[in-house]
């Protein structure tokens, strides 16, 4: 169990820039985000133009949070797209790159700061959060909102998509090279 953590997508209504992040705060609409590039962008173009496009239900399972954050990062190609302010994939935990390992001292400090959090959540609340996670998806409406705001600002700039011959999934070149073709989980006999 982890402290309830939300994933969110912010959008700058003037520039069309988006930001995907995570927070444990309950006032997500007031929270603007924390990425360095994103903060510089909104300071330059106006914080008052930032809206919250989407917020997940709270995650209390660390592995589900990481998996979902990675899925969204890859689906929207947030690192390589010029319409996302993210400089690296969101991992849902600490903002460090996926695969990064903290020192023992850092782990100890983080561990101490989180002790007792799961004990403060009632069993009933844990059950409600667990049920909400089972129902969590990015709806077509959310995709349309995000896609609409991106497509209006990227006409003629979209990067080509690649199709995996093994499973038929379509995606950006970098993601496809990493997770599909010879590395596809549907490859038989490897």
C-alpha atoms as a PDB file:
ATOM      1  CA  UNK A   1       0.000   0.000   0.000  1.00  0.00           C
ATOM      2  CA  UNK A   2       1.194   3.495  -0.838  1.00  0.00           C
ATOM      3  CA  UNK A   3      -0.190   6.894  -0.016  1.00  0.00           C
ATOM      4  CA  UNK A   4      -3.134   7.522  -2.390  1.00  0.00           C
ATOM      5  CA  UNK A   5      -1.563   8.901  -5.574  1.00  0.00           C
ATOM      6  CA  UNK A   6      -3.297  10.519  -8.529  1.00  0.00           C
ATOM      7  CA  UNK A   7      -2.127  10.696 -12.125  1.00  0.00           C
ATOM      8  CA  UNK A   8      -3.188  13.813 -14.016  1.00  0.00           C
ATOM      9  CA  UNK A   9      -2.876  15.629 -17.319  1.00  0.00           C
ATOM     10  CA  UNK A  10      -2.565  19.421 -17.363  1.00  0.00           C
ATOM     11  CA  UNK A  11      -3.122  21.554 -20.466  1.00  0.00           C
ATOM     12  CA  UNK A  12      -2.086  25.130 -21.260  1.00  0.00           C
ATOM     13  CA  UNK A  13      -5.042  26.626 -23.136  1.00  0.00           C
ATOM     14  CA  UNK A  14      -3.003  29.297 -24.949  1.00  0.00           C
ATOM     15  CA  UNK A  15       0.016  27.304 -26.156  1.00  0.00           C
ATOM     16  CA  UNK A  16      -1.552  23.832 -26.335  1.00  0.00           C
ATOM     17  CA  UNK A  17       1.299  22.334 -24.264  1.00  0.00           C
ATOM     18  CA  UNK A  18       0.407  19.338 -22.058  1.00  0.00           C
ATOM     19  CA  UNK A  19       1.989  17.831 -18.951  1.00  0.00           C
ATOM     20  CA  UNK A  20       1.477  14.365 -17.456  1.00  0.00           C
ATOM     21  CA  UNK A  21       2.319  13.934 -13.776  1.00  0.00           C
ATOM     22  CA  UNK A  22       1.486  12.433 -10.426  1.00  0.00           C
ATOM     23  CA  UNK A  23       0.612  13.884  -7.049  1.00  0.00           C
ATOM     24  CA  UNK A  24      -0.544  12.827  -3.611  1.00  0.00           C
ATOM     25  CA  UNK A  25      -2.304  16.154  -3.064  1.00  0.00           C
ATOM     26  CA  UNK A  26      -6.076  16.336  -2.925  1.00  0.00           C
ATOM     27  CA  UNK A  27      -6.259  19.829  -4.484  1.00  0.00           C
ATOM     28  CA  UNK A  28      -5.194  18.673  -7.951  1.00  0.00           C
ATOM     29  CA  UNK A  29      -6.858  21.568  -9.775  1.00  0.00           C
ATOM     30  CA  UNK A  30      -4.766  24.057  -7.768  1.00  0.00           C
ATOM     31  CA  UNK A  31      -1.574  22.029  -8.181  1.00  0.00           C
ATOM     32  CA  UNK A  32       0.123  23.051 -11.433  1.00  0.00           C
ATOM     33  CA  UNK A  33       2.738  20.291 -11.748  1.00  0.00           C
ATOM     34  CA  UNK A  34       6.437  20.045 -11.046  1.00  0.00           C
ATOM     35  CA  UNK A  35       8.410  19.270 -14.219  1.00  0.00           C
ATOM     36  CA  UNK A  36      11.224  21.761 -14.848  1.00  0.00           C
ATOM     37  CA  UNK A  37      10.320  22.411 -18.482  1.00  0.00           C
ATOM     38  CA  UNK A  38       6.606  22.614 -17.615  1.00  0.00           C
ATOM     39  CA  UNK A  39       7.184  25.099 -14.779  1.00  0.00           C
ATOM     40  CA  UNK A  40       9.311  27.320 -17.044  1.00  0.00           C
ATOM     41  CA  UNK A  41       6.638  27.091 -19.742  1.00  0.00           C
ATOM     42  CA  UNK A  42       3.746  28.130 -17.500  1.00  0.00           C
ATOM     43  CA  UNK A  43       5.797  30.866 -15.845  1.00  0.00           C
ATOM     44  CA  UNK A  44       6.502  32.291 -19.303  1.00  0.00           C
ATOM     45  CA  UNK A  45       3.015  31.863 -20.817  1.00  0.00           C
ATOM     46  CA  UNK A  46       0.773  32.283 -17.765  1.00  0.00           C
ATOM     47  CA  UNK A  47      -0.259  29.997 -14.919  1.00  0.00           C
ATOM     48  CA  UNK A  48      -3.822  31.229 -15.182  1.00  0.00           C
ATOM     49  CA  UNK A  49      -4.205  29.394 -18.505  1.00  0.00           C
ATOM     50  CA  UNK A  50      -3.493  25.933 -17.041  1.00  0.00           C
ATOM     51  CA  UNK A  51      -6.430  23.546 -16.771  1.00  0.00           C
ATOM     52  CA  UNK A  52      -6.714  19.984 -15.551  1.00  0.00           C
ATOM     53  CA  UNK A  53      -7.737  17.768 -18.477  1.00  0.00           C
ATOM     54  CA  UNK A  54      -7.892  14.433 -16.644  1.00  0.00           C
ATOM     55  CA  UNK A  55      -7.356  12.972 -13.157  1.00  0.00           C
ATOM     56  CA  UNK A  56      -7.231   9.276 -12.277  1.00  0.00           C
ATOM     57  CA  UNK A  57      -8.853   7.673  -9.300  1.00  0.00           C
ATOM     58  CA  UNK A  58      -6.349   7.333  -6.419  1.00  0.00           C
ATOM     59  CA  UNK A  59      -3.842   4.502  -6.690  1.00  0.00           C
ATOM     60  CA  UNK A  60      -2.847   2.652  -3.518  1.00  0.00           C
ATOM     61  CA  UNK A  61      -1.058  -0.220  -5.261  1.00  0.00           C
ATOM     62  CA  UNK A  62       2.463   0.812  -6.311  1.00  0.00           C
ATOM     63  CA  UNK A  63       2.817  -1.722  -9.132  1.00  0.00           C
ATOM     64  CA  UNK A  64      -0.511  -0.696 -10.710  1.00  0.00           C
ATOM     65  CA  UNK A  65       0.467   2.972 -10.459  1.00  0.00           C
ATOM     66  CA  UNK A  66       3.811   2.370 -12.187  1.00  0.00           C
ATOM     67  CA  UNK A  67       2.219   0.230 -14.888  1.00  0.00           C
ATOM     68  CA  UNK A  68      -0.529   2.755 -15.637  1.00  0.00           C
ATOM     69  CA  UNK A  69       1.862   5.738 -15.624  1.00  0.00           C
ATOM     70  CA  UNK A  70       4.134   3.944 -18.065  1.00  0.00           C
ATOM     71  CA  UNK A  71       1.178   2.997 -20.287  1.00  0.00           C
ATOM     72  CA  UNK A  72       0.000   6.604 -20.565  1.00  0.00           C
ATOM     73  CA  UNK A  73       3.577   7.873 -21.066  1.00  0.00           C
ATOM     74  CA  UNK A  74       4.036   5.516 -23.994  1.00  0.00           C
ATOM     75  CA  UNK A  75       0.542   5.901 -25.452  1.00  0.00           C
ATOM     76  CA  UNK A  76       0.878   9.661 -25.763  1.00  0.00           C
ATOM     77  CA  UNK A  77       4.634   9.525 -26.486  1.00  0.00           C
ATOM     78  CA  UNK A  78       5.095  12.286 -23.895  1.00  0.00           C
ATOM     79  CA  UNK A  79       8.897  12.378 -24.107  1.00  0.00           C
ATOM     80  CA  UNK A  80       9.259  12.673 -27.878  1.00  0.00           C
ATOM     81  CA  UNK A  81       6.208  14.790 -28.689  1.00  0.00           C
ATOM     82  CA  UNK A  82       6.665  18.546 -28.978  1.00  0.00           C
ATOM     83  CA  UNK A  83       3.225  19.025 -27.404  1.00  0.00           C
ATOM     84  CA  UNK A  84       4.178  17.486 -24.064  1.00  0.00           C
ATOM     85  CA  UNK A  85       6.436  19.226 -21.546  1.00  0.00           C
ATOM     86  CA  UNK A  86       7.659  15.954 -20.023  1.00  0.00           C
ATOM     87  CA  UNK A  87      11.400  15.390 -20.384  1.00  0.00           C
ATOM     88  CA  UNK A  88      11.134  11.732 -19.294  1.00  0.00           C
ATOM     89  CA  UNK A  89       8.484   9.075 -18.855  1.00  0.00           C
ATOM     90  CA  UNK A  90       6.342   9.430 -15.749  1.00  0.00           C
ATOM     91  CA  UNK A  91       6.869   6.496 -13.391  1.00  0.00           C
ATOM     92  CA  UNK A  92       4.145   7.500 -10.919  1.00  0.00           C
ATOM     93  CA  UNK A  93       6.468   7.290  -7.932  1.00  0.00           C
ATOM     94  CA  UNK A  94       9.246   9.843  -7.686  1.00  0.00           C
ATOM     95  CA  UNK A  95       9.806  11.497 -11.046  1.00  0.00           C
ATOM     96  CA  UNK A  96      13.064   9.650 -11.563  1.00  0.00           C
ATOM     97  CA  UNK A  97      13.600   7.937 -14.912  1.00  0.00           C
ATOM     98  CA  UNK A  98      12.274   4.400 -15.210  1.00  0.00           C
ATOM     99  CA  UNK A  99      15.065   2.051 -14.196  1.00  0.00           C
ATOM    100  CA  UNK A 100      16.755   4.636 -11.948  1.00  0.00           C
ATOM    101  CA  UNK A 101      17.857   3.302  -8.577  1.00  0.00           C
ATOM    102  CA  UNK A 102      18.004   5.399  -5.398  1.00  0.00           C
ATOM    103  CA  UNK A 103      20.894   5.138  -2.971  1.00  0.00           C
ATOM    104  CA  UNK A 104      20.365   3.221   0.280  1.00  0.00           C
ATOM    105  CA  UNK A 105      20.358   6.520   2.181  1.00  0.00           C
ATOM    106  CA  UNK A 106      17.644   7.981  -0.072  1.00  0.00           C
ATOM    107  CA  UNK A 107      15.545   4.841   0.311  1.00  0.00           C
ATOM    108  CA  UNK A 108      15.829   5.034   4.090  1.00  0.00           C
ATOM    109  CA  UNK A 109      14.700   8.686   4.134  1.00  0.00           C
ATOM    110  CA  UNK A 110      11.731   7.944   1.843  1.00  0.00           C
ATOM    111  CA  UNK A 111      10.795   4.889   3.880  1.00  0.00           C
ATOM    112  CA  UNK A 112      10.763   6.872   7.131  1.00  0.00           C
ATOM    113  CA  UNK A 113       8.602   9.589   5.580  1.00  0.00           C
ATOM    114  CA  UNK A 114       5.969   7.042   4.493  1.00  0.00           C
ATOM    115  CA  UNK A 115       5.745   4.932   7.643  1.00  0.00           C
ATOM    116  CA  UNK A 116       2.266   4.600   9.038  1.00  0.00           C
ATOM    117  CA  UNK A 117       0.496   6.007   5.973  1.00  0.00           C
ATOM    118  CA  UNK A 118      -1.411   2.819   5.167  1.00  0.00           C
ATOM    119  CA  UNK A 119      -2.451   2.489   8.827  1.00  0.00           C
ATOM    120  CA  UNK A 120      -4.166   5.891   8.653  1.00  0.00           C
ATOM    121  CA  UNK A 121      -6.526   4.725   5.898  1.00  0.00           C
ATOM    122  CA  UNK A 122      -9.603   2.858   7.067  1.00  0.00           C
ATOM    123  CA  UNK A 123     -10.361  -0.601   5.698  1.00  0.00           C
ATOM    124  CA  UNK A 124     -13.534   0.782   4.134  1.00  0.00           C
ATOM    125  CA  UNK A 125     -11.561   3.518   2.344  1.00  0.00           C
ATOM    126  CA  UNK A 126      -8.992   0.959   1.131  1.00  0.00           C
ATOM    127  CA  UNK A 127     -11.817  -1.163  -0.276  1.00  0.00           C
ATOM    128  CA  UNK A 128     -13.392   1.832  -2.090  1.00  0.00           C
ATOM    129  CA  UNK A 129     -10.015   2.814  -3.581  1.00  0.00           C
ATOM    130  CA  UNK A 130      -9.359  -0.750  -4.694  1.00  0.00           C
ATOM    131  CA  UNK A 131     -12.778  -0.934  -6.398  1.00  0.00           C
ATOM    132  CA  UNK A 132     -12.182   2.427  -8.096  1.00  0.00           C
ATOM    133  CA  UNK A 133      -8.855   1.181  -9.464  1.00  0.00           C
ATOM    134  CA  UNK A 134     -10.549  -1.833 -11.040  1.00  0.00           C
ATOM    135  CA  UNK A 135     -12.879   0.505 -12.940  1.00  0.00           C
ATOM    136  CA  UNK A 136     -10.163   2.973 -13.978  1.00  0.00           C
ATOM    137  CA  UNK A 137      -9.688   3.608 -17.657  1.00  0.00           C
ATOM    138  CA  UNK A 138      -9.011   6.610 -19.816  1.00  0.00           C
ATOM    139  CA  UNK A 139     -12.397   7.006 -21.434  1.00  0.00           C
ATOM    140  CA  UNK A 140     -13.000   7.877 -25.078  1.00  0.00           C
ATOM    141  CA  UNK A 141     -14.111  11.282 -23.813  1.00  0.00           C
ATOM    142  CA  UNK A 142     -10.756  11.858 -22.101  1.00  0.00           C
ATOM    143  CA  UNK A 143      -8.887  10.642 -25.174  1.00  0.00           C
ATOM    144  CA  UNK A 144     -10.979  12.914 -27.368  1.00  0.00           C
ATOM    145  CA  UNK A 145     -10.301  15.947 -25.156  1.00  0.00           C
ATOM    146  CA  UNK A 146      -6.586  15.264 -25.121  1.00  0.00           C
ATOM    147  CA  UNK A 147      -6.479  14.291 -28.797  1.00  0.00           C
ATOM    148  CA  UNK A 148      -8.510  17.322 -29.793  1.00  0.00           C
ATOM    149  CA  UNK A 149      -6.237  19.741 -27.980  1.00  0.00           C
ATOM    150  CA  UNK A 150      -3.152  18.062 -29.431  1.00  0.00           C
ATOM    151  CA  UNK A 151      -4.421  17.687 -32.995  1.00  0.00           C
ATOM    152  CA  UNK A 152      -5.454  21.328 -33.253  1.00  0.00           C
ATOM    153  CA  UNK A 153      -1.874  22.355 -32.576  1.00  0.00           C
ATOM    154  CA  UNK A 154      -0.008  19.647 -34.465  1.00  0.00           C
ATOM    155  CA  UNK A 155      -1.660  19.549 -37.880  1.00  0.00           C
ATOM    156  CA  UNK A 156       0.966  18.467 -40.363  1.00  0.00           C
ATOM    157  CA  UNK A 157       3.502  17.810 -37.568  1.00  0.00           C
ATOM    158  CA  UNK A 158       2.436  14.320 -36.499  1.00  0.00           C
ATOM    159  CA  UNK A 159       5.179  11.734 -36.442  1.00  0.00           C
ATOM    160  CA  UNK A 160       4.692   8.551 -38.499  1.00  0.00           C
ATOM    161  CA  UNK A 161       3.288   5.510 -36.725  1.00  0.00           C
ATOM    162  CA  UNK A 162       4.663   1.978 -36.958  1.00  0.00           C
ATOM    163  CA  UNK A 163       2.718  -1.302 -36.829  1.00  0.00           C
ATOM    164  CA  UNK A 164       4.140  -4.352 -35.071  1.00  0.00           C
ATOM    165  CA  UNK A 165       3.938  -7.325 -37.471  1.00  0.00           C
ATOM    166  CA  UNK A 166       3.704  -9.728 -34.510  1.00  0.00           C
ATOM    167  CA  UNK A 167       0.733  -8.315 -32.562  1.00  0.00           C
ATOM    168  CA  UNK A 168      -0.636  -5.537 -34.799  1.00  0.00           C
ATOM    169  CA  UNK A 169      -0.193  -2.729 -32.227  1.00  0.00           C
ATOM    170  CA  UNK A 170       0.412   0.746 -33.685  1.00  0.00           C
ATOM    171  CA  UNK A 171       2.665   3.300 -32.030  1.00  0.00           C
ATOM    172  CA  UNK A 172       5.542   5.737 -32.299  1.00  0.00           C
ATOM    173  CA  UNK A 173       8.832   4.490 -33.712  1.00  0.00           C
ATOM    174  CA  UNK A 174      10.819   4.653 -30.461  1.00  0.00           C
ATOM    175  CA  UNK A 175       8.223   2.823 -28.381  1.00  0.00           C
ATOM    176  CA  UNK A 176       7.659   0.212 -31.056  1.00  0.00           C
ATOM    177  CA  UNK A 177      11.379  -0.513 -31.415  1.00  0.00           C
ATOM    178  CA  UNK A 178      11.675  -0.959 -27.674  1.00  0.00           C
ATOM    179  CA  UNK A 179       8.608  -3.111 -26.958  1.00  0.00           C
ATOM    180  CA  UNK A 180       7.633  -4.767 -30.239  1.00  0.00           C
ATOM    181  CA  UNK A 181       9.079  -6.522 -33.305  1.00  0.00           C
ATOM    182  CA  UNK A 182      11.764  -8.897 -31.912  1.00  0.00           C
ATOM    183  CA  UNK A 183      10.916  -7.821 -28.325  1.00  0.00           C
ATOM    184  CA  UNK A 184       7.148  -8.303 -28.660  1.00  0.00           C
ATOM    185  CA  UNK A 185       5.660 -10.324 -25.803  1.00  0.00           C
ATOM    186  CA  UNK A 186       3.555 -12.177 -28.377  1.00  0.00           C
ATOM    187  CA  UNK A 187       6.624 -13.641 -30.116  1.00  0.00           C
ATOM    188  CA  UNK A 188       6.317 -17.433 -30.043  1.00  0.00           C
ATOM    189  CA  UNK A 189       9.238 -19.774 -29.428  1.00  0.00           C
ATOM    190  CA  UNK A 190      11.649 -17.361 -27.754  1.00  0.00           C
END
